[in-house]
Amino acid sequence: MRIDCAIEAGSAVKFQLEKQIQDEEAKLNDIARQLNDIEAQLQLLSHTTIIPNTISKVKVHQTPELLSNTGIIEVFISYQKDDEKLLKELVDKHLNNLEEIKIWHEGKTIGGQDNKVEIEKHLNSSHIILLLISPNYLKDYNNKFEINLAKAREKAIQATVIPVLLTKIFGWERFTFANFKLGDLEPLPQKDKFITDRRVWKTNNDAFYVVAERLEKVKTKIVEKT
């Protein structure tokens, strides 16, 4: 009987310790998420100055101090290299036809340039940031840096961040980076209608046409509000 009691007591202690470990791990994960958010904010502040007068309740944000200098809307595209073919199709056949829009993505870096420095520079000067969502994109840890900085810019009312749904991935809207979910953003071409889904679009071209059309409207709203 004493042995049985000892075993039972030992099991209870083990269960309690495991529960404490789980609680501590949950706290550590929460702290890690907060640190990621702070890091993204610090990266933003080290490169840009937040202008209080730009704050607006309008969903489409604007950066008058940037737009007034060039008159050009800068669009940054964050993508994963496995999706480069779809990126080129979107940019070359559609987005390059939009007037007063300048497109930049990592593929435009020149040999000898520091990719991370160039990415930060163009992220910090962009008015619109497109996130090309796919299974490849969401599994790539390197994109976390870009998404965190993009969200920090939107939070500071300095850019409009838009997910572009390339390839089907279940639960994409629940993916969390720092303190925000992708589902908090308004996607293109339409919610849960992925560009390569043939049940929705006959061709990629049909879907990309809608993306370009709606991006043109976003650009127009930014120009009108500046």
C-alpha atoms as a PDB file:
ATOM      1  CA  MET A   1       0.000   0.000   0.000  1.00  0.00           C
ATOM      2  CA  ARG A   2       2.867   2.356   0.797  1.00  0.00           C
ATOM      3  CA  ILE A   3       4.365   1.649  -2.618  1.00  0.00           C
ATOM      4  CA  ASP A   4       1.040   2.360  -4.328  1.00  0.00           C
ATOM      5  CA  CYS A   5       0.705   5.641  -2.431  1.00  0.00           C
ATOM      6  CA  ALA A   6       4.244   6.632  -3.363  1.00  0.00           C
ATOM      7  CA  ILE A   7       3.597   5.904  -7.022  1.00  0.00           C
ATOM      8  CA  GLU A   8       0.356   7.871  -6.950  1.00  0.00           C
ATOM      9  CA  ALA A   9       2.043  10.832  -5.237  1.00  0.00           C
ATOM     10  CA  GLY A  10       4.899  10.694  -7.719  1.00  0.00           C
ATOM     11  CA  SER A  11       2.480  10.765 -10.654  1.00  0.00           C
ATOM     12  CA  ALA A  12       0.680  13.774  -9.205  1.00  0.00           C
ATOM     13  CA  VAL A  13       3.960  15.653  -8.727  1.00  0.00           C
ATOM     14  CA  LYS A  14       5.053  14.764 -12.273  1.00  0.00           C
ATOM     15  CA  PHE A  15       1.737  16.016 -13.698  1.00  0.00           C
ATOM     16  CA  GLN A  16       2.037  19.255 -11.727  1.00  0.00           C
ATOM     17  CA  LEU A  17       5.608  19.819 -12.917  1.00  0.00           C
ATOM     18  CA  GLU A  18       4.636  19.161 -16.562  1.00  0.00           C
ATOM     19  CA  LYS A  19       1.783  21.652 -16.223  1.00  0.00           C
ATOM     20  CA  GLN A  20       4.177  24.266 -14.800  1.00  0.00           C
ATOM     21  CA  ILE A  21       6.606  23.657 -17.664  1.00  0.00           C
ATOM     22  CA  GLN A  22       3.810  24.124 -20.236  1.00  0.00           C
ATOM     23  CA  ASP A  23       2.727  27.361 -18.549  1.00  0.00           C
ATOM     24  CA  GLU A  24       6.292  28.692 -18.546  1.00  0.00           C
ATOM     25  CA  GLU A  25       6.779  27.752 -22.198  1.00  0.00           C
ATOM     26  CA  ALA A  26       3.586  29.602 -23.100  1.00  0.00           C
ATOM     27  CA  LYS A  27       4.868  32.693 -21.250  1.00  0.00           C
ATOM     28  CA  LEU A  28       8.219  32.481 -23.064  1.00  0.00           C
ATOM     29  CA  ASN A  29       6.476  32.206 -26.446  1.00  0.00           C
ATOM     30  CA  ASP A  30       4.416  35.286 -25.643  1.00  0.00           C
ATOM     31  CA  ILE A  31       7.550  37.218 -24.635  1.00  0.00           C
ATOM     32  CA  ALA A  32       9.257  36.124 -27.875  1.00  0.00           C
ATOM     33  CA  ARG A  33       6.329  37.465 -29.921  1.00  0.00           C
ATOM     34  CA  GLN A  34       6.491  40.780 -28.067  1.00  0.00           C
ATOM     35  CA  LEU A  35      10.251  41.033 -28.658  1.00  0.00           C
ATOM     36  CA  ASN A  36       9.743  40.392 -32.388  1.00  0.00           C
ATOM     37  CA  ASP A  37       7.233  43.223 -32.518  1.00  0.00           C
ATOM     38  CA  ILE A  38       9.568  45.581 -30.644  1.00  0.00           C
ATOM     39  CA  GLU A  39      12.452  44.655 -32.953  1.00  0.00           C
ATOM     40  CA  ALA A  40      10.368  45.441 -36.038  1.00  0.00           C
ATOM     41  CA  GLN A  41       9.335  48.790 -34.545  1.00  0.00           C
ATOM     42  CA  LEU A  42      12.982  49.655 -33.736  1.00  0.00           C
ATOM     43  CA  GLN A  43      14.063  48.758 -37.278  1.00  0.00           C
ATOM     44  CA  LEU A  44      11.363  51.053 -38.624  1.00  0.00           C
ATOM     45  CA  LEU A  45      12.237  53.951 -36.321  1.00  0.00           C
ATOM     46  CA  SER A  46      15.933  53.672 -37.136  1.00  0.00           C
ATOM     47  CA  HIS A  47      15.206  54.366 -40.817  1.00  0.00           C
ATOM     48  CA  THR A  48      12.094  56.545 -40.886  1.00  0.00           C
ATOM     49  CA  THR A  49      10.454  59.410 -39.059  1.00  0.00           C
ATOM     50  CA  ILE A  50       6.791  59.060 -38.180  1.00  0.00           C
ATOM     51  CA  ILE A  51       4.815  62.134 -39.206  1.00  0.00           C
ATOM     52  CA  PRO A  52       1.843  62.627 -36.807  1.00  0.00           C
ATOM     53  CA  ASN A  53      -0.158  64.582 -39.403  1.00  0.00           C
ATOM     54  CA  THR A  54      -0.325  61.496 -41.654  1.00  0.00           C
ATOM     55  CA  ILE A  55      -2.475  59.579 -39.190  1.00  0.00           C
ATOM     56  CA  SER A  56      -5.951  58.928 -40.608  1.00  0.00           C
ATOM     57  CA  LYS A  57      -8.878  56.614 -40.085  1.00  0.00           C
ATOM     58  CA  VAL A  58      -8.952  55.847 -43.799  1.00  0.00           C
ATOM     59  CA  LYS A  59      -8.015  52.223 -44.562  1.00  0.00           C
ATOM     60  CA  VAL A  60      -5.733  53.282 -47.403  1.00  0.00           C
ATOM     61  CA  HIS A  61      -2.796  54.981 -45.700  1.00  0.00           C
ATOM     62  CA  GLN A  62      -0.624  57.676 -47.236  1.00  0.00           C
ATOM     63  CA  THR A  63       2.839  59.190 -46.863  1.00  0.00           C
ATOM     64  CA  PRO A  64       2.604  62.769 -48.196  1.00  0.00           C
ATOM     65  CA  GLU A  65       6.230  63.555 -47.339  1.00  0.00           C
ATOM     66  CA  LEU A  66       7.349  60.827 -49.768  1.00  0.00           C
ATOM     67  CA  LEU A  67       4.724  61.288 -52.451  1.00  0.00           C
ATOM     68  CA  SER A  68       5.265  65.018 -52.776  1.00  0.00           C
ATOM     69  CA  ASN A  69       8.918  64.518 -53.727  1.00  0.00           C
ATOM     70  CA  THR A  70       8.426  62.157 -56.676  1.00  0.00           C
ATOM     71  CA  GLY A  71       4.731  61.938 -57.518  1.00  0.00           C
ATOM     72  CA  ILE A  72       5.264  58.191 -57.881  1.00  0.00           C
ATOM     73  CA  ILE A  73       3.588  55.484 -55.795  1.00  0.00           C
ATOM     74  CA  GLU A  74       6.216  52.939 -54.733  1.00  0.00           C
ATOM     75  CA  VAL A  75       5.120  49.303 -54.465  1.00  0.00           C
ATOM     76  CA  PHE A  76       7.248  46.755 -52.606  1.00  0.00           C
ATOM     77  CA  ILE A  77       6.590  43.056 -53.313  1.00  0.00           C
ATOM     78  CA  SER A  78       7.565  40.459 -50.722  1.00  0.00           C
ATOM     79  CA  TYR A  79       7.730  36.932 -52.156  1.00  0.00           C
ATOM     80  CA  GLN A  80       9.427  33.549 -51.915  1.00  0.00           C
ATOM     81  CA  LYS A  81      11.817  32.597 -54.714  1.00  0.00           C
ATOM     82  CA  ASP A  82       9.904  29.408 -55.565  1.00  0.00           C
ATOM     83  CA  ASP A  83       7.051  31.722 -56.621  1.00  0.00           C
ATOM     84  CA  GLU A  84       9.243  33.817 -58.928  1.00  0.00           C
ATOM     85  CA  LYS A  85       7.435  32.657 -62.080  1.00  0.00           C
ATOM     86  CA  LEU A  86       4.090  33.931 -60.738  1.00  0.00           C
ATOM     87  CA  LEU A  87       5.766  37.139 -59.579  1.00  0.00           C
ATOM     88  CA  LYS A  88       7.108  37.843 -63.084  1.00  0.00           C
ATOM     89  CA  GLU A  89       3.719  37.070 -64.616  1.00  0.00           C
ATOM     90  CA  LEU A  90       2.028  39.524 -62.278  1.00  0.00           C
ATOM     91  CA  VAL A  91       4.606  42.288 -62.683  1.00  0.00           C
ATOM     92  CA  ASP A  92       5.574  41.979 -66.357  1.00  0.00           C
ATOM     93  CA  LYS A  93       2.088  41.461 -67.786  1.00  0.00           C
ATOM     94  CA  HIS A  94       0.014  43.611 -65.454  1.00  0.00           C
ATOM     95  CA  LEU A  95       1.581  45.837 -62.799  1.00  0.00           C
ATOM     96  CA  ASN A  96       4.140  47.366 -65.164  1.00  0.00           C
ATOM     97  CA  ASN A  97       1.189  48.729 -67.175  1.00  0.00           C
ATOM     98  CA  LEU A  98      -0.019  50.848 -64.244  1.00  0.00           C
ATOM     99  CA  GLU A  99       0.852  54.536 -64.515  1.00  0.00           C
ATOM    100  CA  GLU A 100       2.741  56.448 -61.792  1.00  0.00           C
ATOM    101  CA  ILE A 101       3.678  53.244 -60.007  1.00  0.00           C
ATOM    102  CA  LYS A 102       7.212  52.018 -59.359  1.00  0.00           C
ATOM    103  CA  ILE A 103       7.605  48.302 -58.565  1.00  0.00           C
ATOM    104  CA  TRP A 104      10.468  46.896 -56.492  1.00  0.00           C
ATOM    105  CA  HIS A 105      11.209  43.384 -55.218  1.00  0.00           C
ATOM    106  CA  GLU A 106      14.310  41.489 -54.080  1.00  0.00           C
ATOM    107  CA  GLY A 107      14.923  40.212 -57.611  1.00  0.00           C
ATOM    108  CA  LYS A 108      15.874  43.758 -58.614  1.00  0.00           C
ATOM    109  CA  THR A 109      18.941  43.910 -56.376  1.00  0.00           C
ATOM    110  CA  ILE A 110      22.204  44.376 -58.243  1.00  0.00           C
ATOM    111  CA  GLY A 111      25.266  42.204 -57.720  1.00  0.00           C
ATOM    112  CA  GLY A 112      27.371  43.465 -54.814  1.00  0.00           C
ATOM    113  CA  GLN A 113      24.454  45.067 -52.996  1.00  0.00           C
ATOM    114  CA  ASP A 114      23.482  43.915 -49.504  1.00  0.00           C
ATOM    115  CA  ASN A 115      20.044  42.317 -49.962  1.00  0.00           C
ATOM    116  CA  LYS A 116      18.845  43.017 -46.434  1.00  0.00           C
ATOM    117  CA  VAL A 117      19.880  46.678 -46.612  1.00  0.00           C
ATOM    118  CA  GLU A 118      18.144  47.104 -49.981  1.00  0.00           C
ATOM    119  CA  ILE A 119      14.993  45.375 -48.715  1.00  0.00           C
ATOM    120  CA  GLU A 120      14.833  47.654 -45.651  1.00  0.00           C
ATOM    121  CA  LYS A 121      15.426  50.751 -47.781  1.00  0.00           C
ATOM    122  CA  HIS A 122      12.652  49.972 -50.246  1.00  0.00           C
ATOM    123  CA  LEU A 123      10.248  48.746 -47.562  1.00  0.00           C
ATOM    124  CA  ASN A 124      10.723  52.033 -45.724  1.00  0.00           C
ATOM    125  CA  SER A 125      10.043  54.152 -48.823  1.00  0.00           C
ATOM    126  CA  SER A 126       7.083  52.173 -50.171  1.00  0.00           C
ATOM    127  CA  HIS A 127       3.459  53.317 -50.111  1.00  0.00           C
ATOM    128  CA  ILE A 128       2.000  49.872 -50.878  1.00  0.00           C
ATOM    129  CA  ILE A 129       3.447  46.531 -49.743  1.00  0.00           C
ATOM    130  CA  LEU A 130       2.248  43.323 -51.417  1.00  0.00           C
ATOM    131  CA  LEU A 131       2.749  39.947 -49.685  1.00  0.00           C
ATOM    132  CA  LEU A 132       2.554  37.087 -52.212  1.00  0.00           C
ATOM    133  CA  ILE A 133       0.938  34.352 -50.089  1.00  0.00           C
ATOM    134  CA  SER A 134       1.608  30.669 -50.814  1.00  0.00           C
ATOM    135  CA  PRO A 135       2.741  27.559 -48.886  1.00  0.00           C
ATOM    136  CA  ASN A 136       6.294  28.411 -49.985  1.00  0.00           C
ATOM    137  CA  TYR A 137       6.008  31.937 -48.605  1.00  0.00           C
ATOM    138  CA  LEU A 138       4.587  31.005 -45.220  1.00  0.00           C
ATOM    139  CA  LYS A 139       7.108  28.242 -44.550  1.00  0.00           C
ATOM    140  CA  ASP A 140      10.055  30.533 -45.356  1.00  0.00           C
ATOM    141  CA  TYR A 141      11.391  31.965 -42.087  1.00  0.00           C
ATOM    142  CA  ASN A 142      13.304  34.700 -43.933  1.00  0.00           C
ATOM    143  CA  ASN A 143      10.025  36.378 -44.864  1.00  0.00           C
ATOM    144  CA  LYS A 144       9.269  36.980 -41.184  1.00  0.00           C
ATOM    145  CA  PHE A 145      11.623  39.979 -41.158  1.00  0.00           C
ATOM    146  CA  GLU A 146       9.860  41.549 -44.146  1.00  0.00           C
ATOM    147  CA  ILE A 147       6.355  40.913 -42.785  1.00  0.00           C
ATOM    148  CA  ASN A 148       7.193  42.353 -39.349  1.00  0.00           C
ATOM    149  CA  LEU A 149       8.657  45.525 -40.842  1.00  0.00           C
ATOM    150  CA  ALA A 150       5.747  45.838 -43.294  1.00  0.00           C
ATOM    151  CA  LYS A 151       3.227  45.569 -40.465  1.00  0.00           C
ATOM    152  CA  ALA A 152       5.151  48.107 -38.385  1.00  0.00           C
ATOM    153  CA  ARG A 153       4.887  50.580 -41.284  1.00  0.00           C
ATOM    154  CA  GLU A 154       1.153  50.000 -41.624  1.00  0.00           C
ATOM    155  CA  LYS A 155       0.699  50.382 -37.870  1.00  0.00           C
ATOM    156  CA  ALA A 156       2.464  53.745 -38.111  1.00  0.00           C
ATOM    157  CA  ILE A 157       0.015  54.733 -40.896  1.00  0.00           C
ATOM    158  CA  GLN A 158       2.849  54.898 -43.410  1.00  0.00           C
ATOM    159  CA  ALA A 159       1.959  52.148 -45.882  1.00  0.00           C
ATOM    160  CA  THR A 160      -0.889  49.927 -47.036  1.00  0.00           C
ATOM    161  CA  VAL A 161      -0.105  46.199 -46.704  1.00  0.00           C
ATOM    162  CA  ILE A 162      -2.030  43.811 -48.989  1.00  0.00           C
ATOM    163  CA  PRO A 163      -1.762  39.990 -49.134  1.00  0.00           C
ATOM    164  CA  VAL A 164      -1.987  38.629 -52.696  1.00  0.00           C
ATOM    165  CA  LEU A 165      -3.291  35.055 -52.583  1.00  0.00           C
ATOM    166  CA  LEU A 166      -1.190  33.024 -55.043  1.00  0.00           C
ATOM    167  CA  THR A 167      -1.520  29.344 -54.163  1.00  0.00           C
ATOM    168  CA  LYS A 168      -4.040  27.619 -51.892  1.00  0.00           C
ATOM    169  CA  ILE A 169      -2.990  27.097 -48.288  1.00  0.00           C
ATOM    170  CA  PHE A 170      -5.552  26.236 -45.634  1.00  0.00           C
ATOM    171  CA  GLY A 171      -5.695  28.576 -42.654  1.00  0.00           C
ATOM    172  CA  TRP A 172      -3.465  31.260 -44.223  1.00  0.00           C
ATOM    173  CA  GLU A 173      -5.426  33.954 -42.409  1.00  0.00           C
ATOM    174  CA  ARG A 174      -4.477  32.445 -39.026  1.00  0.00           C
ATOM    175  CA  PHE A 175      -0.723  32.742 -39.581  1.00  0.00           C
ATOM    176  CA  THR A 176       0.600  35.067 -36.877  1.00  0.00           C
ATOM    177  CA  PHE A 177       3.694  37.258 -37.089  1.00  0.00           C
ATOM    178  CA  ALA A 178       4.604  39.308 -34.020  1.00  0.00           C
ATOM    179  CA  ASN A 179       1.241  40.625 -32.775  1.00  0.00           C
ATOM    180  CA  PHE A 180      -0.872  40.457 -35.925  1.00  0.00           C
ATOM    181  CA  LYS A 181      -2.572  37.902 -38.147  1.00  0.00           C
ATOM    182  CA  LEU A 182      -2.541  37.894 -41.928  1.00  0.00           C
ATOM    183  CA  GLY A 183      -6.318  37.620 -41.767  1.00  0.00           C
ATOM    184  CA  ASP A 184      -6.441  41.152 -40.320  1.00  0.00           C
ATOM    185  CA  LEU A 185      -5.473  42.454 -43.776  1.00  0.00           C
ATOM    186  CA  GLU A 186      -7.720  42.763 -46.850  1.00  0.00           C
ATOM    187  CA  PRO A 187      -6.391  40.385 -49.560  1.00  0.00           C
ATOM    188  CA  LEU A 188      -6.365  40.450 -53.363  1.00  0.00           C
ATOM    189  CA  PRO A 189      -7.859  39.348 -55.710  1.00  0.00           C
ATOM    190  CA  GLN A 190     -10.625  38.288 -53.280  1.00  0.00           C
ATOM    191  CA  LYS A 191     -10.822  36.671 -49.865  1.00  0.00           C
ATOM    192  CA  ASP A 192     -10.045  32.929 -50.040  1.00  0.00           C
ATOM    193  CA  LYS A 193      -9.959  33.027 -53.876  1.00  0.00           C
ATOM    194  CA  PHE A 194      -6.436  32.028 -54.812  1.00  0.00           C
ATOM    195  CA  ILE A 195      -5.003  32.993 -58.190  1.00  0.00           C
ATOM    196  CA  THR A 196      -4.016  29.441 -59.195  1.00  0.00           C
ATOM    197  CA  ASP A 197      -7.351  27.907 -58.140  1.00  0.00           C
ATOM    198  CA  ARG A 198      -9.003  26.833 -61.414  1.00  0.00           C
ATOM    199  CA  ARG A 199     -12.385  26.453 -59.733  1.00  0.00           C
ATOM    200  CA  VAL A 200     -12.395  30.224 -59.348  1.00  0.00           C
ATOM    201  CA  TRP A 201     -10.292  31.590 -62.227  1.00  0.00           C
ATOM    202  CA  LYS A 202      -9.990  30.140 -65.725  1.00  0.00           C
ATOM    203  CA  THR A 203      -6.430  31.442 -66.034  1.00  0.00           C
ATOM    204  CA  ASN A 204      -3.859  33.246 -63.904  1.00  0.00           C
ATOM    205  CA  ASN A 205      -4.310  36.172 -66.252  1.00  0.00           C
ATOM    206  CA  ASP A 206      -7.967  36.583 -65.211  1.00  0.00           C
ATOM    207  CA  ALA A 207      -6.978  36.784 -61.547  1.00  0.00           C
ATOM    208  CA  PHE A 208      -3.980  39.062 -62.105  1.00  0.00           C
ATOM    209  CA  TYR A 209      -6.213  41.423 -64.090  1.00  0.00           C
ATOM    210  CA  VAL A 210      -8.401  41.843 -60.985  1.00  0.00           C
ATOM    211  CA  VAL A 211      -5.312  42.395 -58.800  1.00  0.00           C
ATOM    212  CA  ALA A 212      -4.020  45.136 -61.122  1.00  0.00           C
ATOM    213  CA  GLU A 213      -7.461  46.746 -61.413  1.00  0.00           C
ATOM    214  CA  ARG A 214      -7.915  46.976 -57.652  1.00  0.00           C
ATOM    215  CA  LEU A 215      -4.342  48.068 -57.069  1.00  0.00           C
ATOM    216  CA  GLU A 216      -4.994  50.950 -59.459  1.00  0.00           C
ATOM    217  CA  LYS A 217      -7.914  51.992 -57.235  1.00  0.00           C
ATOM    218  CA  VAL A 218      -5.734  51.816 -54.114  1.00  0.00           C
ATOM    219  CA  LYS A 219      -3.153  54.016 -55.843  1.00  0.00           C
ATOM    220  CA  THR A 220      -5.826  56.536 -56.832  1.00  0.00           C
ATOM    221  CA  LYS A 221      -7.098  56.771 -53.242  1.00  0.00           C
ATOM    222  CA  ILE A 222      -3.569  57.390 -51.942  1.00  0.00           C
ATOM    223  CA  VAL A 223      -3.019  60.174 -54.483  1.00  0.00           C
ATOM    224  CA  GLU A 224      -6.404  61.753 -53.682  1.00  0.00           C
ATOM    225  CA  LYS A 225      -5.686  61.785 -49.942  1.00  0.00           C
ATOM    226  CA  THR A 226      -2.296  63.519 -50.278  1.00  0.00           C
END
